[in-house]
PDBML (XML) file of the C-alpha atoms, coordinates in Angstrom:
<?xml version="1.0" encoding="UTF-8" ?>
<PDBx:datablock datablockName="MODEL"
   xmlns:PDBx="http://pdbml.pdb.org/schema/pdbx-v50.xsd"
   xmlns:xsi="http://www.w3.org/2001/XMLSchema-instance"
   xsi:schemaLocation="http://pdbml.pdb.org/schema/pdbx-v50.xsd pdbx-v50.xsd">
   <PDBx:atom_siteCategory>
      <PDBx:atom_site id="1">
         <PDBx:B_iso_or_equiv>0.00</PDBx:B_iso_or_equiv>
         <PDBx:Cartn_x>56.413</PDBx:Cartn_x>
         <PDBx:Cartn_y>-234.375</PDBx:Cartn_y>
         <PDBx:Cartn_z>29.677</PDBx:Cartn_z>
         <PDBx:auth_asym_id>A</PDBx:auth_asym_id>
         <PDBx:auth_atom_id>CA</PDBx:auth_atom_id>
         <PDBx:auth_comp_id>TRP</PDBx:auth_comp_id>
         <PDBx:auth_seq_id>1</PDBx:auth_seq_id>
         <PDBx:group_PDB>ATOM</PDBx:group_PDB>
         <PDBx:label_alt_id xsi:nil="true" />
         <PDBx:label_asym_id>A</PDBx:label_asym_id>
         <PDBx:label_atom_id>CA</PDBx:label_atom_id>
         <PDBx:label_comp_id>TRP</PDBx:label_comp_id>
         <PDBx:label_entity_id>1</PDBx:label_entity_id>
         <PDBx:label_seq_id>1</PDBx:label_seq_id>
         <PDBx:occupancy>1.00</PDBx:occupancy>
         <PDBx:pdbx_PDB_model_num>1</PDBx:pdbx_PDB_model_num>
         <PDBx:type_symbol>C</PDBx:type_symbol>
      </PDBx:atom_site>
      <PDBx:atom_site id="2">
         <PDBx:B_iso_or_equiv>0.00</PDBx:B_iso_or_equiv>
         <PDBx:Cartn_x>57.545</PDBx:Cartn_x>
         <PDBx:Cartn_y>-230.840</PDBx:Cartn_y>
         <PDBx:Cartn_z>30.942</PDBx:Cartn_z>
         <PDBx:auth_asym_id>A</PDBx:auth_asym_id>
         <PDBx:auth_atom_id>CA</PDBx:auth_atom_id>
         <PDBx:auth_comp_id>PHE</PDBx:auth_comp_id>
         <PDBx:auth_seq_id>2</PDBx:auth_seq_id>
         <PDBx:group_PDB>ATOM</PDBx:group_PDB>
         <PDBx:label_alt_id xsi:nil="true" />
         <PDBx:label_asym_id>A</PDBx:label_asym_id>
         <PDBx:label_atom_id>CA</PDBx:label_atom_id>
         <PDBx:label_comp_id>PHE</PDBx:label_comp_id>
         <PDBx:label_entity_id>1</PDBx:label_entity_id>
         <PDBx:label_seq_id>2</PDBx:label_seq_id>
         <PDBx:occupancy>1.00</PDBx:occupancy>
         <PDBx:pdbx_PDB_model_num>1</PDBx:pdbx_PDB_model_num>
         <PDBx:type_symbol>C</PDBx:type_symbol>
      </PDBx:atom_site>
      <PDBx:atom_site id="3">
         <PDBx:B_iso_or_equiv>0.00</PDBx:B_iso_or_equiv>
         <PDBx:Cartn_x>55.949</PDBx:Cartn_x>
         <PDBx:Cartn_y>-231.265</PDBx:Cartn_y>
         <PDBx:Cartn_z>34.162</PDBx:Cartn_z>
         <PDBx:auth_asym_id>A</PDBx:auth_asym_id>
         <PDBx:auth_atom_id>CA</PDBx:auth_atom_id>
         <PDBx:auth_comp_id>VAL</PDBx:auth_comp_id>
         <PDBx:auth_seq_id>3</PDBx:auth_seq_id>
         <PDBx:group_PDB>ATOM</PDBx:group_PDB>
         <PDBx:label_alt_id xsi:nil="true" />
         <PDBx:label_asym_id>A</PDBx:label_asym_id>
         <PDBx:label_atom_id>CA</PDBx:label_atom_id>
         <PDBx:label_comp_id>VAL</PDBx:label_comp_id>
         <PDBx:label_entity_id>1</PDBx:label_entity_id>
         <PDBx:label_seq_id>3</PDBx:label_seq_id>
         <PDBx:occupancy>1.00</PDBx:occupancy>
         <PDBx:pdbx_PDB_model_num>1</PDBx:pdbx_PDB_model_num>
         <PDBx:type_symbol>C</PDBx:type_symbol>
      </PDBx:atom_site>
      <PDBx:atom_site id="4">
         <PDBx:B_iso_or_equiv>0.00</PDBx:B_iso_or_equiv>
         <PDBx:Cartn_x>56.987</PDBx:Cartn_x>
         <PDBx:Cartn_y>-234.748</PDBx:Cartn_y>
         <PDBx:Cartn_z>35.129</PDBx:Cartn_z>
         <PDBx:auth_asym_id>A</PDBx:auth_asym_id>
         <PDBx:auth_atom_id>CA</PDBx:auth_atom_id>
         <PDBx:auth_comp_id>GLU</PDBx:auth_comp_id>
         <PDBx:auth_seq_id>4</PDBx:auth_seq_id>
         <PDBx:group_PDB>ATOM</PDBx:group_PDB>
         <PDBx:label_alt_id xsi:nil="true" />
         <PDBx:label_asym_id>A</PDBx:label_asym_id>
         <PDBx:label_atom_id>CA</PDBx:label_atom_id>
         <PDBx:label_comp_id>GLU</PDBx:label_comp_id>
         <PDBx:label_entity_id>1</PDBx:label_entity_id>
         <PDBx:label_seq_id>4</PDBx:label_seq_id>
         <PDBx:occupancy>1.00</PDBx:occupancy>
         <PDBx:pdbx_PDB_model_num>1</PDBx:pdbx_PDB_model_num>
         <PDBx:type_symbol>C</PDBx:type_symbol>
      </PDBx:atom_site>
      <PDBx:atom_site id="5">
         <PDBx:B_iso_or_equiv>0.00</PDBx:B_iso_or_equiv>
         <PDBx:Cartn_x>60.625</PDBx:Cartn_x>
         <PDBx:Cartn_y>-233.414</PDBx:Cartn_y>
         <PDBx:Cartn_z>34.134</PDBx:Cartn_z>
         <PDBx:auth_asym_id>A</PDBx:auth_asym_id>
         <PDBx:auth_atom_id>CA</PDBx:auth_atom_id>
         <PDBx:auth_comp_id>ASN</PDBx:auth_comp_id>
         <PDBx:auth_seq_id>5</PDBx:auth_seq_id>
         <PDBx:group_PDB>ATOM</PDBx:group_PDB>
         <PDBx:label_alt_id xsi:nil="true" />
         <PDBx:label_asym_id>A</PDBx:label_asym_id>
         <PDBx:label_atom_id>CA</PDBx:label_atom_id>
         <PDBx:label_comp_id>ASN</PDBx:label_comp_id>
         <PDBx:label_entity_id>1</PDBx:label_entity_id>
         <PDBx:label_seq_id>5</PDBx:label_seq_id>
         <PDBx:occupancy>1.00</PDBx:occupancy>
         <PDBx:pdbx_PDB_model_num>1</PDBx:pdbx_PDB_model_num>
         <PDBx:type_symbol>C</PDBx:type_symbol>
      </PDBx:atom_site>
      <PDBx:atom_site id="6">
         <PDBx:B_iso_or_equiv>0.00</PDBx:B_iso_or_equiv>
         <PDBx:Cartn_x>60.080</PDBx:Cartn_x>
         <PDBx:Cartn_y>-230.231</PDBx:Cartn_y>
         <PDBx:Cartn_z>36.646</PDBx:Cartn_z>
         <PDBx:auth_asym_id>A</PDBx:auth_asym_id>
         <PDBx:auth_atom_id>CA</PDBx:auth_atom_id>
         <PDBx:auth_comp_id>ARG</PDBx:auth_comp_id>
         <PDBx:auth_seq_id>6</PDBx:auth_seq_id>
         <PDBx:group_PDB>ATOM</PDBx:group_PDB>
         <PDBx:label_alt_id xsi:nil="true" />
         <PDBx:label_asym_id>A</PDBx:label_asym_id>
         <PDBx:label_atom_id>CA</PDBx:label_atom_id>
         <PDBx:label_comp_id>ARG</PDBx:label_comp_id>
         <PDBx:label_entity_id>1</PDBx:label_entity_id>
         <PDBx:label_seq_id>6</PDBx:label_seq_id>
         <PDBx:occupancy>1.00</PDBx:occupancy>
         <PDBx:pdbx_PDB_model_num>1</PDBx:pdbx_PDB_model_num>
         <PDBx:type_symbol>C</PDBx:type_symbol>
      </PDBx:atom_site>
      <PDBx:atom_site id="7">
         <PDBx:B_iso_or_equiv>0.00</PDBx:B_iso_or_equiv>
         <PDBx:Cartn_x>60.550</PDBx:Cartn_x>
         <PDBx:Cartn_y>-227.615</PDBx:Cartn_y>
         <PDBx:Cartn_z>33.638</PDBx:Cartn_z>
         <PDBx:auth_asym_id>A</PDBx:auth_asym_id>
         <PDBx:auth_atom_id>CA</PDBx:auth_atom_id>
         <PDBx:auth_comp_id>ILE</PDBx:auth_comp_id>
         <PDBx:auth_seq_id>7</PDBx:auth_seq_id>
         <PDBx:group_PDB>ATOM</PDBx:group_PDB>
         <PDBx:label_alt_id xsi:nil="true" />
         <PDBx:label_asym_id>A</PDBx:label_asym_id>
         <PDBx:label_atom_id>CA</PDBx:label_atom_id>
         <PDBx:label_comp_id>ILE</PDBx:label_comp_id>
         <PDBx:label_entity_id>1</PDBx:label_entity_id>
         <PDBx:label_seq_id>7</PDBx:label_seq_id>
         <PDBx:occupancy>1.00</PDBx:occupancy>
         <PDBx:pdbx_PDB_model_num>1</PDBx:pdbx_PDB_model_num>
         <PDBx:type_symbol>C</PDBx:type_symbol>
      </PDBx:atom_site>
      <PDBx:atom_site id="8">
         <PDBx:B_iso_or_equiv>0.00</PDBx:B_iso_or_equiv>
         <PDBx:Cartn_x>58.731</PDBx:Cartn_x>
         <PDBx:Cartn_y>-224.767</PDBx:Cartn_y>
         <PDBx:Cartn_z>34.617</PDBx:Cartn_z>
         <PDBx:auth_asym_id>A</PDBx:auth_asym_id>
         <PDBx:auth_atom_id>CA</PDBx:auth_atom_id>
         <PDBx:auth_comp_id>ASP</PDBx:auth_comp_id>
         <PDBx:auth_seq_id>8</PDBx:auth_seq_id>
         <PDBx:group_PDB>ATOM</PDBx:group_PDB>
         <PDBx:label_alt_id xsi:nil="true" />
         <PDBx:label_asym_id>A</PDBx:label_asym_id>
         <PDBx:label_atom_id>CA</PDBx:label_atom_id>
         <PDBx:label_comp_id>ASP</PDBx:label_comp_id>
         <PDBx:label_entity_id>1</PDBx:label_entity_id>
         <PDBx:label_seq_id>8</PDBx:label_seq_id>
         <PDBx:occupancy>1.00</PDBx:occupancy>
         <PDBx:pdbx_PDB_model_num>1</PDBx:pdbx_PDB_model_num>
         <PDBx:type_symbol>C</PDBx:type_symbol>
      </PDBx:atom_site>
      <PDBx:atom_site id="9">
         <PDBx:B_iso_or_equiv>0.00</PDBx:B_iso_or_equiv>
         <PDBx:Cartn_x>59.445</PDBx:Cartn_x>
         <PDBx:Cartn_y>-222.403</PDBx:Cartn_y>
         <PDBx:Cartn_z>31.682</PDBx:Cartn_z>
         <PDBx:auth_asym_id>A</PDBx:auth_asym_id>
         <PDBx:auth_atom_id>CA</PDBx:auth_atom_id>
         <PDBx:auth_comp_id>SER</PDBx:auth_comp_id>
         <PDBx:auth_seq_id>9</PDBx:auth_seq_id>
         <PDBx:group_PDB>ATOM</PDBx:group_PDB>
         <PDBx:label_alt_id xsi:nil="true" />
         <PDBx:label_asym_id>A</PDBx:label_asym_id>
         <PDBx:label_atom_id>CA</PDBx:label_atom_id>
         <PDBx:label_comp_id>SER</PDBx:label_comp_id>
         <PDBx:label_entity_id>1</PDBx:label_entity_id>
         <PDBx:label_seq_id>9</PDBx:label_seq_id>
         <PDBx:occupancy>1.00</PDBx:occupancy>
         <PDBx:pdbx_PDB_model_num>1</PDBx:pdbx_PDB_model_num>
         <PDBx:type_symbol>C</PDBx:type_symbol>
      </PDBx:atom_site>
      <PDBx:atom_site id="10">
         <PDBx:B_iso_or_equiv>0.00</PDBx:B_iso_or_equiv>
         <PDBx:Cartn_x>60.765</PDBx:Cartn_x>
         <PDBx:Cartn_y>-222.758</PDBx:Cartn_y>
         <PDBx:Cartn_z>28.574</PDBx:Cartn_z>
         <PDBx:auth_asym_id>A</PDBx:auth_asym_id>
         <PDBx:auth_atom_id>CA</PDBx:auth_atom_id>
         <PDBx:auth_comp_id>ILE</PDBx:auth_comp_id>
         <PDBx:auth_seq_id>10</PDBx:auth_seq_id>
         <PDBx:group_PDB>ATOM</PDBx:group_PDB>
         <PDBx:label_alt_id xsi:nil="true" />
         <PDBx:label_asym_id>A</PDBx:label_asym_id>
         <PDBx:label_atom_id>CA</PDBx:label_atom_id>
         <PDBx:label_comp_id>ILE</PDBx:label_comp_id>
         <PDBx:label_entity_id>1</PDBx:label_entity_id>
         <PDBx:label_seq_id>10</PDBx:label_seq_id>
         <PDBx:occupancy>1.00</PDBx:occupancy>
         <PDBx:pdbx_PDB_model_num>1</PDBx:pdbx_PDB_model_num>
         <PDBx:type_symbol>C</PDBx:type_symbol>
      </PDBx:atom_site>
      <PDBx:atom_site id="11">
         <PDBx:B_iso_or_equiv>0.00</PDBx:B_iso_or_equiv>
         <PDBx:Cartn_x>63.984</PDBx:Cartn_x>
         <PDBx:Cartn_y>-221.155</PDBx:Cartn_y>
         <PDBx:Cartn_z>27.894</PDBx:Cartn_z>
         <PDBx:auth_asym_id>A</PDBx:auth_asym_id>
         <PDBx:auth_atom_id>CA</PDBx:auth_atom_id>
         <PDBx:auth_comp_id>ASP</PDBx:auth_comp_id>
         <PDBx:auth_seq_id>11</PDBx:auth_seq_id>
         <PDBx:group_PDB>ATOM</PDBx:group_PDB>
         <PDBx:label_alt_id xsi:nil="true" />
         <PDBx:label_asym_id>A</PDBx:label_asym_id>
         <PDBx:label_atom_id>CA</PDBx:label_atom_id>
         <PDBx:label_comp_id>ASP</PDBx:label_comp_id>
         <PDBx:label_entity_id>1</PDBx:label_entity_id>
         <PDBx:label_seq_id>11</PDBx:label_seq_id>
         <PDBx:occupancy>1.00</PDBx:occupancy>
         <PDBx:pdbx_PDB_model_num>1</PDBx:pdbx_PDB_model_num>
         <PDBx:type_symbol>C</PDBx:type_symbol>
      </PDBx:atom_site>
      <PDBx:atom_site id="12">
         <PDBx:B_iso_or_equiv>0.00</PDBx:B_iso_or_equiv>
         <PDBx:Cartn_x>64.743</PDBx:Cartn_x>
         <PDBx:Cartn_y>-218.795</PDBx:Cartn_y>
         <PDBx:Cartn_z>25.118</PDBx:Cartn_z>
         <PDBx:auth_asym_id>A</PDBx:auth_asym_id>
         <PDBx:auth_atom_id>CA</PDBx:auth_atom_id>
         <PDBx:auth_comp_id>ILE</PDBx:auth_comp_id>
         <PDBx:auth_seq_id>12</PDBx:auth_seq_id>
         <PDBx:group_PDB>ATOM</PDBx:group_PDB>
         <PDBx:label_alt_id xsi:nil="true" />
         <PDBx:label_asym_id>A</PDBx:label_asym_id>
         <PDBx:label_atom_id>CA</PDBx:label_atom_id>
         <PDBx:label_comp_id>ILE</PDBx:label_comp_id>
         <PDBx:label_entity_id>1</PDBx:label_entity_id>
         <PDBx:label_seq_id>12</PDBx:label_seq_id>
         <PDBx:occupancy>1.00</PDBx:occupancy>
         <PDBx:pdbx_PDB_model_num>1</PDBx:pdbx_PDB_model_num>
         <PDBx:type_symbol>C</PDBx:type_symbol>
      </PDBx:atom_site>
      <PDBx:atom_site id="13">
         <PDBx:B_iso_or_equiv>0.00</PDBx:B_iso_or_equiv>
         <PDBx:Cartn_x>68.095</PDBx:Cartn_x>
         <PDBx:Cartn_y>-220.882</PDBx:Cartn_y>
         <PDBx:Cartn_z>24.018</PDBx:Cartn_z>
         <PDBx:auth_asym_id>A</PDBx:auth_asym_id>
         <PDBx:auth_atom_id>CA</PDBx:auth_atom_id>
         <PDBx:auth_comp_id>THR</PDBx:auth_comp_id>
         <PDBx:auth_seq_id>13</PDBx:auth_seq_id>
         <PDBx:group_PDB>ATOM</PDBx:group_PDB>
         <PDBx:label_alt_id xsi:nil="true" />
         <PDBx:label_asym_id>A</PDBx:label_asym_id>
         <PDBx:label_atom_id>CA</PDBx:label_atom_id>
         <PDBx:label_comp_id>THR</PDBx:label_comp_id>
         <PDBx:label_entity_id>1</PDBx:label_entity_id>
         <PDBx:label_seq_id>13</PDBx:label_seq_id>
         <PDBx:occupancy>1.00</PDBx:occupancy>
         <PDBx:pdbx_PDB_model_num>1</PDBx:pdbx_PDB_model_num>
         <PDBx:type_symbol>C</PDBx:type_symbol>
      </PDBx:atom_site>
      <PDBx:atom_site id="14">
         <PDBx:B_iso_or_equiv>0.00</PDBx:B_iso_or_equiv>
         <PDBx:Cartn_x>66.235</PDBx:Cartn_x>
         <PDBx:Cartn_y>-224.024</PDBx:Cartn_y>
         <PDBx:Cartn_z>24.779</PDBx:Cartn_z>
         <PDBx:auth_asym_id>A</PDBx:auth_asym_id>
         <PDBx:auth_atom_id>CA</PDBx:auth_atom_id>
         <PDBx:auth_comp_id>SER</PDBx:auth_comp_id>
         <PDBx:auth_seq_id>14</PDBx:auth_seq_id>
         <PDBx:group_PDB>ATOM</PDBx:group_PDB>
         <PDBx:label_alt_id xsi:nil="true" />
         <PDBx:label_asym_id>A</PDBx:label_asym_id>
         <PDBx:label_atom_id>CA</PDBx:label_atom_id>
         <PDBx:label_comp_id>SER</PDBx:label_comp_id>
         <PDBx:label_entity_id>1</PDBx:label_entity_id>
         <PDBx:label_seq_id>14</PDBx:label_seq_id>
         <PDBx:occupancy>1.00</PDBx:occupancy>
         <PDBx:pdbx_PDB_model_num>1</PDBx:pdbx_PDB_model_num>
         <PDBx:type_symbol>C</PDBx:type_symbol>
      </PDBx:atom_site>
      <PDBx:atom_site id="15">
         <PDBx:B_iso_or_equiv>0.00</PDBx:B_iso_or_equiv>
         <PDBx:Cartn_x>65.583</PDBx:Cartn_x>
         <PDBx:Cartn_y>-226.810</PDBx:Cartn_y>
         <PDBx:Cartn_z>21.911</PDBx:Cartn_z>
         <PDBx:auth_asym_id>A</PDBx:auth_asym_id>
         <PDBx:auth_atom_id>CA</PDBx:auth_atom_id>
         <PDBx:auth_comp_id>PRO</PDBx:auth_comp_id>
         <PDBx:auth_seq_id>15</PDBx:auth_seq_id>
         <PDBx:group_PDB>ATOM</PDBx:group_PDB>
         <PDBx:label_alt_id xsi:nil="true" />
         <PDBx:label_asym_id>A</PDBx:label_asym_id>
         <PDBx:label_atom_id>CA</PDBx:label_atom_id>
         <PDBx:label_comp_id>PRO</PDBx:label_comp_id>
         <PDBx:label_entity_id>1</PDBx:label_entity_id>
         <PDBx:label_seq_id>15</PDBx:label_seq_id>
         <PDBx:occupancy>1.00</PDBx:occupancy>
         <PDBx:pdbx_PDB_model_num>1</PDBx:pdbx_PDB_model_num>
         <PDBx:type_symbol>C</PDBx:type_symbol>
      </PDBx:atom_site>
      <PDBx:atom_site id="16">
         <PDBx:B_iso_or_equiv>0.00</PDBx:B_iso_or_equiv>
         <PDBx:Cartn_x>61.740</PDBx:Cartn_x>
         <PDBx:Cartn_y>-226.894</PDBx:Cartn_y>
         <PDBx:Cartn_z>23.273</PDBx:Cartn_z>
         <PDBx:auth_asym_id>A</PDBx:auth_asym_id>
         <PDBx:auth_atom_id>CA</PDBx:auth_atom_id>
         <PDBx:auth_comp_id>HIS</PDBx:auth_comp_id>
         <PDBx:auth_seq_id>16</PDBx:auth_seq_id>
         <PDBx:group_PDB>ATOM</PDBx:group_PDB>
         <PDBx:label_alt_id xsi:nil="true" />
         <PDBx:label_asym_id>A</PDBx:label_asym_id>
         <PDBx:label_atom_id>CA</PDBx:label_atom_id>
         <PDBx:label_comp_id>HIS</PDBx:label_comp_id>
         <PDBx:label_entity_id>1</PDBx:label_entity_id>
         <PDBx:label_seq_id>16</PDBx:label_seq_id>
         <PDBx:occupancy>1.00</PDBx:occupancy>
         <PDBx:pdbx_PDB_model_num>1</PDBx:pdbx_PDB_model_num>
         <PDBx:type_symbol>C</PDBx:type_symbol>
      </PDBx:atom_site>
      <PDBx:atom_site id="17">
         <PDBx:B_iso_or_equiv>0.00</PDBx:B_iso_or_equiv>
         <PDBx:Cartn_x>61.705</PDBx:Cartn_x>
         <PDBx:Cartn_y>-222.988</PDBx:Cartn_y>
         <PDBx:Cartn_z>22.235</PDBx:Cartn_z>
         <PDBx:auth_asym_id>A</PDBx:auth_asym_id>
         <PDBx:auth_atom_id>CA</PDBx:auth_atom_id>
         <PDBx:auth_comp_id>ALA</PDBx:auth_comp_id>
         <PDBx:auth_seq_id>17</PDBx:auth_seq_id>
         <PDBx:group_PDB>ATOM</PDBx:group_PDB>
         <PDBx:label_alt_id xsi:nil="true" />
         <PDBx:label_asym_id>A</PDBx:label_asym_id>
         <PDBx:label_atom_id>CA</PDBx:label_atom_id>
         <PDBx:label_comp_id>ALA</PDBx:label_comp_id>
         <PDBx:label_entity_id>1</PDBx:label_entity_id>
         <PDBx:label_seq_id>17</PDBx:label_seq_id>
         <PDBx:occupancy>1.00</PDBx:occupancy>
         <PDBx:pdbx_PDB_model_num>1</PDBx:pdbx_PDB_model_num>
         <PDBx:type_symbol>C</PDBx:type_symbol>
      </PDBx:atom_site>
      <PDBx:atom_site id="18">
         <PDBx:B_iso_or_equiv>0.00</PDBx:B_iso_or_equiv>
         <PDBx:Cartn_x>62.058</PDBx:Cartn_x>
         <PDBx:Cartn_y>-224.194</PDBx:Cartn_y>
         <PDBx:Cartn_z>18.679</PDBx:Cartn_z>
         <PDBx:auth_asym_id>A</PDBx:auth_asym_id>
         <PDBx:auth_atom_id>CA</PDBx:auth_atom_id>
         <PDBx:auth_comp_id>VAL</PDBx:auth_comp_id>
         <PDBx:auth_seq_id>18</PDBx:auth_seq_id>
         <PDBx:group_PDB>ATOM</PDBx:group_PDB>
         <PDBx:label_alt_id xsi:nil="true" />
         <PDBx:label_asym_id>A</PDBx:label_asym_id>
         <PDBx:label_atom_id>CA</PDBx:label_atom_id>
         <PDBx:label_comp_id>VAL</PDBx:label_comp_id>
         <PDBx:label_entity_id>1</PDBx:label_entity_id>
         <PDBx:label_seq_id>18</PDBx:label_seq_id>
         <PDBx:occupancy>1.00</PDBx:occupancy>
         <PDBx:pdbx_PDB_model_num>1</PDBx:pdbx_PDB_model_num>
         <PDBx:type_symbol>C</PDBx:type_symbol>
      </PDBx:atom_site>
      <PDBx:atom_site id="19">
         <PDBx:B_iso_or_equiv>0.00</PDBx:B_iso_or_equiv>
         <PDBx:Cartn_x>58.487</PDBx:Cartn_x>
         <PDBx:Cartn_y>-224.312</PDBx:Cartn_y>
         <PDBx:Cartn_z>17.178</PDBx:Cartn_z>
         <PDBx:auth_asym_id>A</PDBx:auth_asym_id>
         <PDBx:auth_atom_id>CA</PDBx:auth_atom_id>
         <PDBx:auth_comp_id>THR</PDBx:auth_comp_id>
         <PDBx:auth_seq_id>19</PDBx:auth_seq_id>
         <PDBx:group_PDB>ATOM</PDBx:group_PDB>
         <PDBx:label_alt_id xsi:nil="true" />
         <PDBx:label_asym_id>A</PDBx:label_asym_id>
         <PDBx:label_atom_id>CA</PDBx:label_atom_id>
         <PDBx:label_comp_id>THR</PDBx:label_comp_id>
         <PDBx:label_entity_id>1</PDBx:label_entity_id>
         <PDBx:label_seq_id>19</PDBx:label_seq_id>
         <PDBx:occupancy>1.00</PDBx:occupancy>
         <PDBx:pdbx_PDB_model_num>1</PDBx:pdbx_PDB_model_num>
         <PDBx:type_symbol>C</PDBx:type_symbol>
      </PDBx:atom_site>
      <PDBx:atom_site id="20">
         <PDBx:B_iso_or_equiv>0.00</PDBx:B_iso_or_equiv>
         <PDBx:Cartn_x>57.792</PDBx:Cartn_x>
         <PDBx:Cartn_y>-225.268</PDBx:Cartn_y>
         <PDBx:Cartn_z>13.425</PDBx:Cartn_z>
         <PDBx:auth_asym_id>A</PDBx:auth_asym_id>
         <PDBx:auth_atom_id>CA</PDBx:auth_atom_id>
         <PDBx:auth_comp_id>THR</PDBx:auth_comp_id>
         <PDBx:auth_seq_id>20</PDBx:auth_seq_id>
         <PDBx:group_PDB>ATOM</PDBx:group_PDB>
         <PDBx:label_alt_id xsi:nil="true" />
         <PDBx:label_asym_id>A</PDBx:label_asym_id>
         <PDBx:label_atom_id>CA</PDBx:label_atom_id>
         <PDBx:label_comp_id>THR</PDBx:label_comp_id>
         <PDBx:label_entity_id>1</PDBx:label_entity_id>
         <PDBx:label_seq_id>20</PDBx:label_seq_id>
         <PDBx:occupancy>1.00</PDBx:occupancy>
         <PDBx:pdbx_PDB_model_num>1</PDBx:pdbx_PDB_model_num>
         <PDBx:type_symbol>C</PDBx:type_symbol>
      </PDBx:atom_site>
      <PDBx:atom_site id="21">
         <PDBx:B_iso_or_equiv>0.00</PDBx:B_iso_or_equiv>
         <PDBx:Cartn_x>58.996</PDBx:Cartn_x>
         <PDBx:Cartn_y>-222.259</PDBx:Cartn_y>
         <PDBx:Cartn_z>11.268</PDBx:Cartn_z>
         <PDBx:auth_asym_id>A</PDBx:auth_asym_id>
         <PDBx:auth_atom_id>CA</PDBx:auth_atom_id>
         <PDBx:auth_comp_id>PRO</PDBx:auth_comp_id>
         <PDBx:auth_seq_id>21</PDBx:auth_seq_id>
         <PDBx:group_PDB>ATOM</PDBx:group_PDB>
         <PDBx:label_alt_id xsi:nil="true" />
         <PDBx:label_asym_id>A</PDBx:label_asym_id>
         <PDBx:label_atom_id>CA</PDBx:label_atom_id>
         <PDBx:label_comp_id>PRO</PDBx:label_comp_id>
         <PDBx:label_entity_id>1</PDBx:label_entity_id>
         <PDBx:label_seq_id>21</PDBx:label_seq_id>
         <PDBx:occupancy>1.00</PDBx:occupancy>
         <PDBx:pdbx_PDB_model_num>1</PDBx:pdbx_PDB_model_num>
         <PDBx:type_symbol>C</PDBx:type_symbol>
      </PDBx:atom_site>
      <PDBx:atom_site id="22">
         <PDBx:B_iso_or_equiv>0.00</PDBx:B_iso_or_equiv>
         <PDBx:Cartn_x>56.066</PDBx:Cartn_x>
         <PDBx:Cartn_y>-220.734</PDBx:Cartn_y>
         <PDBx:Cartn_z>9.582</PDBx:Cartn_z>
         <PDBx:auth_asym_id>A</PDBx:auth_asym_id>
         <PDBx:auth_atom_id>CA</PDBx:auth_atom_id>
         <PDBx:auth_comp_id>GLY</PDBx:auth_comp_id>
         <PDBx:auth_seq_id>22</PDBx:auth_seq_id>
         <PDBx:group_PDB>ATOM</PDBx:group_PDB>
         <PDBx:label_alt_id xsi:nil="true" />
         <PDBx:label_asym_id>A</PDBx:label_asym_id>
         <PDBx:label_atom_id>CA</PDBx:label_atom_id>
         <PDBx:label_comp_id>GLY</PDBx:label_comp_id>
         <PDBx:label_entity_id>1</PDBx:label_entity_id>
         <PDBx:label_seq_id>22</PDBx:label_seq_id>
         <PDBx:occupancy>1.00</PDBx:occupancy>
         <PDBx:pdbx_PDB_model_num>1</PDBx:pdbx_PDB_model_num>
         <PDBx:type_symbol>C</PDBx:type_symbol>
      </PDBx:atom_site>
      <PDBx:atom_site id="23">
         <PDBx:B_iso_or_equiv>0.00</PDBx:B_iso_or_equiv>
         <PDBx:Cartn_x>57.232</PDBx:Cartn_x>
         <PDBx:Cartn_y>-217.823</PDBx:Cartn_y>
         <PDBx:Cartn_z>7.545</PDBx:Cartn_z>
         <PDBx:auth_asym_id>A</PDBx:auth_asym_id>
         <PDBx:auth_atom_id>CA</PDBx:auth_atom_id>
         <PDBx:auth_comp_id>ALA</PDBx:auth_comp_id>
         <PDBx:auth_seq_id>23</PDBx:auth_seq_id>
         <PDBx:group_PDB>ATOM</PDBx:group_PDB>
         <PDBx:label_alt_id xsi:nil="true" />
         <PDBx:label_asym_id>A</PDBx:label_asym_id>
         <PDBx:label_atom_id>CA</PDBx:label_atom_id>
         <PDBx:label_comp_id>ALA</PDBx:label_comp_id>
         <PDBx:label_entity_id>1</PDBx:label_entity_id>
         <PDBx:label_seq_id>23</PDBx:label_seq_id>
         <PDBx:occupancy>1.00</PDBx:occupancy>
         <PDBx:pdbx_PDB_model_num>1</PDBx:pdbx_PDB_model_num>
         <PDBx:type_symbol>C</PDBx:type_symbol>
      </PDBx:atom_site>
      <PDBx:atom_site id="24">
         <PDBx:B_iso_or_equiv>0.00</PDBx:B_iso_or_equiv>
         <PDBx:Cartn_x>57.902</PDBx:Cartn_x>
         <PDBx:Cartn_y>-219.326</PDBx:Cartn_y>
         <PDBx:Cartn_z>4.287</PDBx:Cartn_z>
         <PDBx:auth_asym_id>A</PDBx:auth_asym_id>
         <PDBx:auth_atom_id>CA</PDBx:auth_atom_id>
         <PDBx:auth_comp_id>LEU</PDBx:auth_comp_id>
         <PDBx:auth_seq_id>24</PDBx:auth_seq_id>
         <PDBx:group_PDB>ATOM</PDBx:group_PDB>
         <PDBx:label_alt_id xsi:nil="true" />
         <PDBx:label_asym_id>A</PDBx:label_asym_id>
         <PDBx:label_atom_id>CA</PDBx:label_atom_id>
         <PDBx:label_comp_id>LEU</PDBx:label_comp_id>
         <PDBx:label_entity_id>1</PDBx:label_entity_id>
         <PDBx:label_seq_id>24</PDBx:label_seq_id>
         <PDBx:occupancy>1.00</PDBx:occupancy>
         <PDBx:pdbx_PDB_model_num>1</PDBx:pdbx_PDB_model_num>
         <PDBx:type_symbol>C</PDBx:type_symbol>
      </PDBx:atom_site>
      <PDBx:atom_site id="25">
         <PDBx:B_iso_or_equiv>0.00</PDBx:B_iso_or_equiv>
         <PDBx:Cartn_x>54.514</PDBx:Cartn_x>
         <PDBx:Cartn_y>-220.933</PDBx:Cartn_y>
         <PDBx:Cartn_z>3.907</PDBx:Cartn_z>
         <PDBx:auth_asym_id>A</PDBx:auth_asym_id>
         <PDBx:auth_atom_id>CA</PDBx:auth_atom_id>
         <PDBx:auth_comp_id>ARG</PDBx:auth_comp_id>
         <PDBx:auth_seq_id>25</PDBx:auth_seq_id>
         <PDBx:group_PDB>ATOM</PDBx:group_PDB>
         <PDBx:label_alt_id xsi:nil="true" />
         <PDBx:label_asym_id>A</PDBx:label_asym_id>
         <PDBx:label_atom_id>CA</PDBx:label_atom_id>
         <PDBx:label_comp_id>ARG</PDBx:label_comp_id>
         <PDBx:label_entity_id>1</PDBx:label_entity_id>
         <PDBx:label_seq_id>25</PDBx:label_seq_id>
         <PDBx:occupancy>1.00</PDBx:occupancy>
         <PDBx:pdbx_PDB_model_num>1</PDBx:pdbx_PDB_model_num>
         <PDBx:type_symbol>C</PDBx:type_symbol>
      </PDBx:atom_site>
   </PDBx:atom_siteCategory>
</PDBx:datablock>
């Protein structure tokens, strides 16, 4: 999906930079 949409890096403010928060687990 990222390649097709010509996204070559994930910016630090991108919603795609949000990974599942693991701290509480």
